[in-house]
Structures are given as structure tokens and as C-alpha cells.
């Protein structure tokens, strides 16, 4: 009888002990479901997009040695591809041959520009002390003050030399010129290798770029394929038109500035024509820097105020007419970008890729405008970027 009561008590105590465990499991399950519902209600897209943007910026900065030749090759191929297509259509010339001829022409043009810039710059570097002395001679009082300062500095130096004479401390000589030459040579070597890589890649894009585009399009659905092909065709047309027009206009401005420099007797007129043409590729900032440089060179060369103002004034007049009247008429309002966006683009790409990024800022902005204007979801962004 006692055994039966003991078994009964044991069996009745088991549900009572398992009841708290069941309630605890139920509470844990409910808390987990609440946590899952809270996470589902949270919008995690913003931090994910932020991290993705930071990753892209870091990649653009770190991989500049690879991306710069690639971007330059893409833009150059867009500029030269209409000429290759024209030769293939009208002259029956194979794309490989026409691309080779055009690339050799580009290489010759780049070599001529490099020689036209660096040779006169070497001459100006040798004549720079005389130019500075010429500027200082025009200000008698300033020259006298400088001479007094030089005499005082020489007296102080002689006194210091007299006090430290006889000491046996070792003298440390730092060859700054050698370090500077080494840095310049390293930068030039890196630039030449990157340019050679970009030109080689441009040639292969001209020869087989269309095949690559068709192969990529065949891997997409019908709707995405149409958007992709429209972006590629419109991008080629718009970027080629922009680069072609802006190059023609800048070359014309450079020729006029060079002729005016030669007419007034400014030394190395070819250099100032090339600088005027290249400065125009940098919107707003390039024009200001070009005018300032021409003013300094004219002041160092001439004494008459009218002669000083001729070359900078001519360049300022040309860039004003082109910037306010000619370019808006040529490009129209289709790809007219807000000037604030252009400034931001210049500083952004200049921070990431240096001077080359500044030169590529506006063409890259043109490509971005073409892309966002053809994607329906990005149409509001294109309206924000426009004027």
C-alpha cells in the first residue's frame, strides 16, 4: 500500500516539476520572436549602403594605379571609336589597322605635347632667377629693403660662423636636389608606364570592344539588355561628342594664345599655347590658374602695362566667350550639370587620383549623367544633378 502511494506521489510530482520548464521555454520562444520582429521592422539598408560606399571609395583610392589607366583607356576609346568606325565604313580599312594608325597618331601627339612643354619649362627654369630679379628691379624701395635684409643676414651669419669656428662637430649634408630628382624620376616612370598601359588597352578596346559589349548584352534579359545597349550607345555618342568638341575648342584657344604670345614677343609662345589649351580641360579652376600664370610671365617679361595685359586678357576673353556662349549652345541642356556638382566632382576625383583625376572629372561626370538618365530608378538623381 505504501509502495503504491509512493509511485502515485512520484507520478503526480513530475507534471508539477515540468510545468516551470515549459513556461520558461515558452517565454524564451516569445522573446526570440519579438527580437526577430524588431529586426525585421528595422531598416538596415542605410548602414549597408554606407558601408558599401566606403568600400568603393577605399577601393578607388587604393587601386588608383590600376583604375586610372583603365578609365583613361575607356574615355580615349570613346573619343577615337567614331574615327575607327568611319575608316571601317568608308575606307574599308580593318579595325585592327585603323586602330593602330589612330593610336600611333595619339602617341605622336602626346609626345609632341610633352616635348613642347618640358623643353621650354627647362629654359624657363634656367631663366627664372633673372625673371625674379627683373620683377624686383621695378620696385626700388622693395629692392632696397631686401638688400638691407640681406646685409643684416650676412652680418648675423658671419658672427655665428665666428662663434662656432673651431668646433669639431660633424657636418650633416642633405642632398635635397638628389632626393627631388629621384622623386621626379619615380613619378615620371610611374606616369609613363601607366600611359603605356592605357594606350595598349585603348587599342584592344577599339579592335574588340564591340564584341565584348555584344557578349555582355547576350547574357542579360530583354529589358536589361535594351537598357544596357542604350547606355552604351548614348554614352559613346555623348562622351565622344563632348570630348571632341571640348578638344577642338581648347586646341583653338591654345593656338590663338600661342600666336598672340608670339606676336607680342613673349618667350616660348608654344609653351603658353599648350598650357592655355590644357588648362581649359579643368573647368573654372583651370581658367583661373592659366590667367594667373600668364600674368606672372607677362610681368616678368614686359614693363609696359598694356603689353602685360595683352596675353592674359586675350585668354580671359576667349574662355569667357566660350564658357558663357559657345559651350552651352554646342552641348545644349541635355548634359548640362550643375556647377556645384562640377566643383564637387573636381575636388572628389582630385583627392582620389591627383591631377589626373582633376582632368578626368568632367568626362566621368558626363558618363555618370548618361548612366543615371537611362535607368528609370535613377531619374530623380539625374534631375538633381542638372542645372
Protein backbone atom coordinates (compact mmCIF):
# COMPACT_ATOMS: atom_id res chain seq x y z
CA UNK A 1 0.00 0.00 0.00
CA UNK A 2 2.87 2.38 0.87
CA UNK A 3 4.65 1.50 -2.40
CA UNK A 4 1.53 2.31 -4.38
CA UNK A 5 1.18 5.70 -2.64
CA UNK A 6 4.87 6.45 -3.29
CA UNK A 7 4.51 5.75 -7.01
CA UNK A 8 1.38 7.86 -7.12
CA UNK A 9 3.18 10.76 -5.44
CA UNK A 10 6.11 10.45 -7.86
CA UNK A 11 3.89 10.43 -10.92
CA UNK A 12 1.92 13.41 -9.64
CA UNK A 13 5.08 15.40 -8.90
CA UNK A 14 6.51 15.00 -12.44
CA UNK A 15 4.00 17.31 -14.18
CA UNK A 16 4.44 19.88 -11.42
CA UNK A 17 8.25 19.92 -11.98
CA UNK A 18 7.96 20.01 -15.79
CA UNK A 19 5.47 22.87 -15.74
CA UNK A 20 8.07 25.61 -14.97
CA UNK A 21 10.34 24.25 -17.68
CA UNK A 22 7.56 24.56 -20.24
CA UNK A 23 6.78 28.10 -19.19
CA UNK A 24 10.47 29.06 -19.45
CA UNK A 25 10.72 27.60 -22.96
CA UNK A 26 7.57 29.46 -23.97
CA UNK A 27 8.98 32.72 -22.63
CA UNK A 28 12.28 32.20 -24.49
CA UNK A 29 10.40 31.46 -27.71
CA UNK A 30 8.25 34.56 -27.34
CA UNK A 31 11.29 36.77 -26.62
CA UNK A 32 13.08 35.34 -29.66
CA UNK A 33 10.07 36.01 -31.87
CA UNK A 34 9.88 39.56 -30.54
CA UNK A 35 13.57 40.10 -31.30
CA UNK A 36 13.11 38.75 -34.83
CA UNK A 37 10.11 41.02 -35.40
CA UNK A 38 12.07 44.04 -34.15
CA UNK A 39 14.97 43.24 -36.50
CA UNK A 40 12.58 42.78 -39.40
CA UNK A 41 10.99 46.15 -38.70
CA UNK A 42 14.39 47.89 -38.68
CA UNK A 43 15.60 49.36 -42.00
CA UNK A 44 19.17 48.08 -42.39
CA UNK A 45 19.56 49.32 -45.96
CA UNK A 46 21.07 52.68 -44.95
CA UNK A 47 24.05 51.34 -42.96
CA UNK A 48 24.63 48.64 -45.57
CA UNK A 49 24.68 51.23 -48.36
CA UNK A 50 27.00 53.39 -46.25
CA UNK A 51 29.48 50.55 -45.74
CA UNK A 52 29.28 49.68 -49.42
CA UNK A 53 30.02 53.30 -50.38
CA UNK A 54 33.03 53.44 -48.05
CA UNK A 55 34.32 50.19 -49.55
CA UNK A 56 34.02 51.63 -53.07
CA UNK A 57 35.85 54.84 -52.08
CA UNK A 58 38.63 52.86 -50.42
CA UNK A 59 38.98 50.66 -53.49
CA UNK A 60 39.11 53.70 -55.81
CA UNK A 61 41.88 55.22 -53.69
CA UNK A 62 43.97 52.09 -53.17
CA UNK A 63 43.62 50.71 -56.72
CA UNK A 64 44.37 54.01 -58.48
CA UNK A 65 47.41 52.54 -60.27
CA UNK A 66 45.09 50.04 -61.97
CA UNK A 67 41.91 52.08 -62.32
CA UNK A 68 43.49 55.24 -63.76
CA UNK A 69 44.82 53.54 -66.93
CA UNK A 70 41.55 51.66 -67.28
CA UNK A 71 39.37 54.79 -67.02
CA UNK A 72 41.68 56.75 -69.32
CA UNK A 73 41.57 53.94 -71.87
CA UNK A 74 37.76 53.78 -71.77
CA UNK A 75 37.41 57.54 -72.31
CA UNK A 76 40.05 57.60 -75.03
CA UNK A 77 38.40 54.68 -76.82
CA UNK A 78 35.08 56.54 -76.72
CA UNK A 79 36.78 59.55 -78.30
CA UNK A 80 38.57 57.62 -81.06
CA UNK A 81 35.95 54.95 -81.79
CA UNK A 82 33.92 57.14 -84.23
CA UNK A 83 37.06 57.62 -86.34
CA UNK A 84 37.69 53.87 -86.35
CA UNK A 85 34.09 53.21 -87.39
CA UNK A 86 34.36 55.83 -90.16
CA UNK A 87 37.55 54.25 -91.54
CA UNK A 88 35.95 50.80 -91.49
CA UNK A 89 32.81 52.04 -93.26
CA UNK A 90 34.17 54.42 -95.88
CA UNK A 91 37.77 53.32 -96.41
CA UNK A 92 37.16 49.57 -95.96
CA UNK A 93 40.05 49.52 -93.54
CA UNK A 94 40.20 46.70 -90.97
CA UNK A 95 39.60 47.80 -87.41
CA UNK A 96 42.99 46.46 -86.32
CA UNK A 97 44.81 48.59 -88.91
CA UNK A 98 42.75 51.75 -88.41
CA UNK A 99 43.05 51.42 -84.64
CA UNK A 100 46.82 51.05 -84.93
CA UNK A 101 47.12 54.14 -87.15
CA UNK A 102 45.00 56.23 -84.82
CA UNK A 103 46.87 55.07 -81.72
CA UNK A 104 50.20 55.93 -83.35
CA UNK A 105 48.77 59.37 -84.10
CA UNK A 106 47.74 59.75 -80.45
CA UNK A 107 51.20 58.67 -79.27
CA UNK A 108 52.83 61.20 -81.62
CA UNK A 109 50.51 63.94 -80.36
CA UNK A 110 51.27 63.12 -76.71
CA UNK A 111 54.99 63.05 -77.44
CA UNK A 112 54.80 66.41 -79.21
CA UNK A 113 52.86 67.95 -76.33
CA UNK A 114 55.37 66.57 -73.81
CA UNK A 115 58.32 67.93 -75.76
CA UNK A 116 56.58 71.25 -76.28
CA UNK A 117 56.03 71.63 -72.54
CA UNK A 118 59.15 70.22 -70.90
CA UNK A 119 61.75 71.77 -73.20
CA UNK A 120 60.53 75.38 -72.67
CA UNK A 121 59.99 74.69 -68.97
CA UNK A 122 63.66 73.76 -68.68
CA UNK A 123 64.59 77.02 -70.37
CA UNK A 124 62.32 78.99 -68.04
CA UNK A 125 63.78 77.21 -65.01
CA UNK A 126 67.23 78.43 -66.06
CA UNK A 127 65.98 81.97 -66.65
CA UNK A 128 63.80 82.13 -63.51
CA UNK A 129 66.39 83.97 -61.34
CA UNK A 130 66.77 86.67 -63.98
CA UNK A 131 62.97 86.99 -64.26
CA UNK A 132 62.61 87.36 -60.50
CA UNK A 133 65.38 89.95 -60.43
CA UNK A 134 63.65 91.83 -63.24
CA UNK A 135 60.41 91.96 -61.24
CA UNK A 136 62.25 93.17 -58.13
CA UNK A 137 64.14 95.86 -60.03
CA UNK A 138 60.85 97.51 -60.90
CA UNK A 139 60.28 98.29 -57.24
CA UNK A 140 63.18 100.38 -55.94
CA UNK A 141 62.07 100.65 -52.35
CA UNK A 142 61.38 96.95 -52.08
CA UNK A 143 64.77 96.21 -53.60
CA UNK A 144 66.50 98.44 -51.06
CA UNK A 145 64.68 96.77 -48.17
CA UNK A 146 65.68 93.37 -49.48
CA UNK A 147 69.32 94.46 -49.77
CA UNK A 148 69.27 95.73 -46.18
CA UNK A 149 67.84 92.43 -45.02
CA UNK A 150 70.49 90.56 -46.94
CA UNK A 151 73.26 92.66 -45.35
CA UNK A 152 71.82 92.07 -41.89
CA UNK A 153 71.58 88.35 -42.57
CA UNK A 154 75.21 88.27 -43.76
CA UNK A 155 76.38 90.09 -40.61
CA UNK A 156 74.48 87.67 -38.38
CA UNK A 157 75.83 84.73 -40.32
CA UNK A 158 79.41 86.00 -40.01
CA UNK A 159 79.01 86.43 -36.24
CA UNK A 160 77.57 82.92 -35.89
CA UNK A 161 80.38 81.49 -38.02
CA UNK A 162 82.95 83.25 -35.79
CA UNK A 163 81.44 81.80 -32.63
CA UNK A 164 81.24 78.24 -33.87
CA UNK A 165 84.62 78.31 -35.59
CA UNK A 166 86.97 75.73 -34.19
CA UNK A 167 84.33 73.26 -33.11
CA UNK A 168 84.74 69.72 -34.32
CA UNK A 169 81.09 68.74 -34.61
CA UNK A 170 80.39 66.70 -37.70
CA UNK A 171 78.52 68.39 -40.53
CA UNK A 172 75.50 66.63 -41.95
CA UNK A 173 74.91 67.31 -45.61
CA UNK A 174 71.50 66.52 -47.06
CA UNK A 175 71.42 66.42 -50.84
CA UNK A 176 67.90 67.72 -51.33
CA UNK A 177 68.38 68.13 -55.05
CA UNK A 178 69.18 64.45 -55.45
CA UNK A 179 66.09 63.49 -53.44
CA UNK A 180 63.96 65.84 -55.52
CA UNK A 181 65.35 64.44 -58.78
CA UNK A 182 64.74 60.89 -57.56
CA UNK A 183 61.11 61.68 -56.72
CA UNK A 184 60.54 63.35 -60.07
CA UNK A 185 62.09 60.41 -61.90
CA UNK A 186 59.97 57.91 -59.96
CA UNK A 187 56.78 59.88 -60.66
CA UNK A 188 57.68 60.21 -64.35
CA UNK A 189 58.42 56.49 -64.60
CA UNK A 190 55.09 55.61 -63.00
CA UNK A 191 53.25 58.03 -65.28
CA UNK A 192 54.90 56.70 -68.45
CA UNK A 193 54.17 53.07 -67.53
CA UNK A 194 50.54 53.90 -66.73
CA UNK A 195 50.17 55.81 -70.00
CA UNK A 196 51.66 52.93 -71.99
CA UNK A 197 49.25 50.50 -70.33
CA UNK A 198 46.31 52.81 -71.06
CA UNK A 199 47.27 53.19 -74.74
CA UNK A 200 47.65 49.42 -75.17
CA UNK A 201 44.27 48.81 -73.53
CA UNK A 202 42.72 51.50 -75.72
CA UNK A 203 43.91 49.71 -78.84
CA UNK A 204 42.34 46.41 -77.77
CA UNK A 205 39.09 48.19 -76.87
CA UNK A 206 38.98 49.76 -80.32
CA UNK A 207 39.58 46.42 -82.02
CA UNK A 208 37.34 44.13 -79.97
CA UNK A 209 35.27 46.42 -77.77
CA UNK A 210 32.06 45.93 -79.77
CA UNK A 211 32.36 42.17 -79.49
CA UNK A 212 32.73 42.44 -75.72
CA UNK A 213 29.63 44.65 -75.50
CA UNK A 214 27.56 42.21 -77.59
CA UNK A 215 28.67 39.25 -75.48
CA UNK A 216 27.71 41.07 -72.30
CA UNK A 217 24.32 42.04 -73.75
CA UNK A 218 23.53 38.43 -74.70
CA UNK A 219 23.89 37.40 -71.06
CA UNK A 220 21.09 39.73 -69.93
CA UNK A 221 17.34 39.64 -70.13
CA UNK A 222 15.46 41.53 -72.81
CA UNK A 223 14.57 44.59 -70.71
CA UNK A 224 18.00 44.87 -69.10
CA UNK A 225 19.63 44.26 -72.47
CA UNK A 226 17.82 47.23 -74.00
CA UNK A 227 18.80 49.49 -71.13
CA UNK A 228 22.42 48.32 -71.29
CA UNK A 229 22.69 48.84 -75.05
CA UNK A 230 21.05 52.26 -74.87
CA UNK A 231 23.51 53.29 -72.15
CA UNK A 232 26.47 52.09 -74.20
CA UNK A 233 25.33 53.75 -77.44
CA UNK A 234 24.31 57.00 -75.79
CA UNK A 235 27.46 57.00 -73.70
CA UNK A 236 29.65 56.59 -76.76
CA UNK A 237 27.80 59.33 -78.59
CA UNK A 238 27.64 61.84 -75.75
CA UNK A 239 31.17 61.34 -74.42
CA UNK A 240 32.69 61.31 -77.91
CA UNK A 241 30.82 64.50 -78.78
CA UNK A 242 31.81 66.20 -75.54
CA UNK A 243 35.47 65.21 -75.75
CA UNK A 244 35.65 66.00 -79.45
CA UNK A 245 34.07 69.44 -79.12
CA UNK A 246 35.99 70.40 -75.99
CA UNK A 247 39.27 69.22 -77.51
CA UNK A 248 38.67 71.22 -80.70
CA UNK A 249 37.73 74.34 -78.75
CA UNK A 250 40.72 74.03 -76.40
CA UNK A 251 43.15 73.49 -79.28
CA UNK A 252 41.76 76.58 -80.99
CA UNK A 253 42.18 78.63 -77.81
CA UNK A 254 45.73 77.31 -77.40
CA UNK A 255 46.63 78.25 -80.98
CA UNK A 256 45.25 81.78 -80.55
CA UNK A 257 47.07 82.31 -77.24
CA UNK A 258 50.29 80.96 -78.76
CA UNK A 259 50.02 83.28 -81.77
CA UNK A 260 49.29 86.29 -79.55
CA UNK A 261 52.24 85.37 -77.31
CA UNK A 262 54.47 85.14 -80.37
CA UNK A 263 53.14 88.45 -81.72
CA UNK A 264 53.88 90.43 -78.56
CA UNK A 265 57.31 88.83 -78.11
CA UNK A 266 56.63 86.58 -75.13
CA UNK A 267 59.36 83.90 -74.90
CA UNK A 268 58.44 80.27 -75.68
CA UNK A 269 54.97 81.02 -77.13
CA UNK A 270 54.37 77.32 -77.85
CA UNK A 271 54.53 76.59 -74.11
CA UNK A 272 51.89 79.18 -73.24
CA UNK A 273 49.62 77.98 -76.03
CA UNK A 274 49.83 74.41 -74.74
CA UNK A 275 49.25 75.49 -71.14
CA UNK A 276 46.22 77.53 -72.20
CA UNK A 277 44.79 74.54 -74.08
CA UNK A 278 45.40 72.09 -71.22
CA UNK A 279 44.09 74.47 -68.56
CA UNK A 280 40.76 74.61 -70.33
CA UNK A 281 40.19 70.91 -69.64
CA UNK A 282 39.76 71.83 -65.95
CA UNK A 283 36.50 73.78 -65.66
CA UNK A 284 36.64 77.09 -63.75
CA UNK A 285 39.81 76.28 -61.80
CA UNK A 286 41.95 75.75 -64.92
CA UNK A 287 41.00 79.11 -66.39
CA UNK A 288 41.88 80.94 -63.18
CA UNK A 289 45.23 79.19 -62.89
CA UNK A 290 46.01 79.82 -66.57
CA UNK A 291 45.25 83.54 -66.34
CA UNK A 292 47.33 83.86 -63.16
CA UNK A 293 50.31 82.09 -64.73
CA UNK A 294 50.15 84.24 -67.86
CA UNK A 295 50.00 87.38 -65.71
CA UNK A 296 53.15 86.34 -63.80
CA UNK A 297 55.03 85.53 -67.01
CA UNK A 298 53.98 88.81 -68.66
CA UNK A 299 55.03 90.84 -65.60
CA UNK A 300 58.41 89.09 -65.63
CA UNK A 301 58.85 89.85 -69.34
CA UNK A 302 57.40 93.31 -70.04
CA UNK A 303 57.50 96.71 -68.36
CA UNK A 304 54.56 98.35 -70.11
CA UNK A 305 51.15 97.75 -68.51
CA UNK A 306 49.42 97.33 -71.87
CA UNK A 307 51.91 94.70 -73.02
CA UNK A 308 51.48 92.89 -69.71
CA UNK A 309 47.69 92.72 -70.14
CA UNK A 310 47.54 91.54 -73.78
CA UNK A 311 48.17 87.80 -73.41
CA UNK A 312 46.27 87.23 -70.12
CA UNK A 313 43.45 89.45 -71.35
CA UNK A 314 43.18 87.50 -74.59
CA UNK A 315 42.98 84.19 -72.76
CA UNK A 316 40.42 85.56 -70.28
CA UNK A 317 38.27 86.91 -73.13
CA UNK A 318 38.39 83.60 -75.00
CA UNK A 319 37.46 81.42 -72.04
CA UNK A 320 34.67 83.84 -71.08
CA UNK A 321 33.12 83.77 -74.56
CA UNK A 322 33.46 80.01 -74.84
CA UNK A 323 32.19 79.32 -71.33
CA UNK A 324 29.17 81.61 -71.38
CA UNK A 325 28.02 81.47 -75.00
CA UNK A 326 29.63 78.81 -77.19
CA UNK A 327 29.65 75.70 -75.00
CA UNK A 328 26.01 75.99 -73.81
CA UNK A 329 24.96 76.35 -77.44
CA UNK A 330 27.06 73.35 -78.57
CA UNK A 331 26.23 70.94 -75.76
CA UNK A 332 22.67 72.11 -75.17
CA UNK A 333 20.90 71.46 -71.91
CA UNK A 334 20.81 67.68 -72.12
CA UNK A 335 24.01 67.09 -70.20
CA UNK A 336 24.25 70.50 -68.51
CA UNK A 337 25.47 69.71 -65.00
CA UNK A 338 25.03 71.99 -62.02
CA UNK A 339 28.25 73.99 -61.39
CA UNK A 340 28.20 72.96 -57.73
CA UNK A 341 28.23 69.30 -58.80
CA UNK A 342 31.13 70.02 -61.16
CA UNK A 343 33.15 71.62 -58.34
CA UNK A 344 32.42 68.68 -56.06
CA UNK A 345 33.41 66.26 -58.83
CA UNK A 346 36.69 68.10 -59.42
CA UNK A 347 37.66 68.07 -55.75
CA UNK A 348 36.47 64.48 -55.29
CA UNK A 349 38.41 62.96 -58.17
CA UNK A 350 41.36 65.25 -57.50
CA UNK A 351 41.52 63.98 -53.91
CA UNK A 352 41.35 60.35 -55.04
CA UNK A 353 43.57 60.43 -58.14
CA UNK A 354 45.50 63.70 -58.03
CA UNK A 355 45.98 65.92 -61.11
CA UNK A 356 44.86 63.17 -63.49
CA UNK A 357 41.63 62.86 -61.54
CA UNK A 358 41.04 66.61 -61.98
CA UNK A 359 41.42 66.25 -65.75
CA UNK A 360 39.06 63.25 -65.82
CA UNK A 361 36.42 64.78 -63.52
CA UNK A 362 34.15 66.31 -66.17
CA UNK A 363 34.28 63.36 -68.64
CA UNK A 364 33.49 60.99 -65.77
CA UNK A 365 30.61 63.26 -64.75
CA UNK A 366 29.33 63.07 -68.33
CA UNK A 367 29.38 59.27 -68.20
CA UNK A 368 27.59 59.28 -64.85
CA UNK A 369 24.90 61.60 -66.26
CA UNK A 370 24.35 59.28 -69.22
CA UNK A 371 24.02 56.24 -66.94
CA UNK A 372 21.60 57.80 -64.44
CA UNK A 373 19.45 59.32 -67.19
CA UNK A 374 18.81 55.89 -68.77
CA UNK A 375 17.96 53.99 -65.57
CA UNK A 376 14.34 54.64 -64.50
CA UNK A 377 15.05 54.33 -60.77
CA UNK A 378 17.81 56.95 -61.01
CA UNK A 379 15.85 59.55 -62.97
CA UNK A 380 15.29 61.73 -59.84
CA UNK A 381 19.06 61.78 -59.28
CA UNK A 382 19.65 62.96 -62.85
CA UNK A 383 17.20 65.81 -62.32
CA UNK A 384 19.07 66.84 -59.17
CA UNK A 385 22.43 66.87 -60.98
CA UNK A 386 21.20 69.01 -63.87
CA UNK A 387 21.20 72.79 -63.95
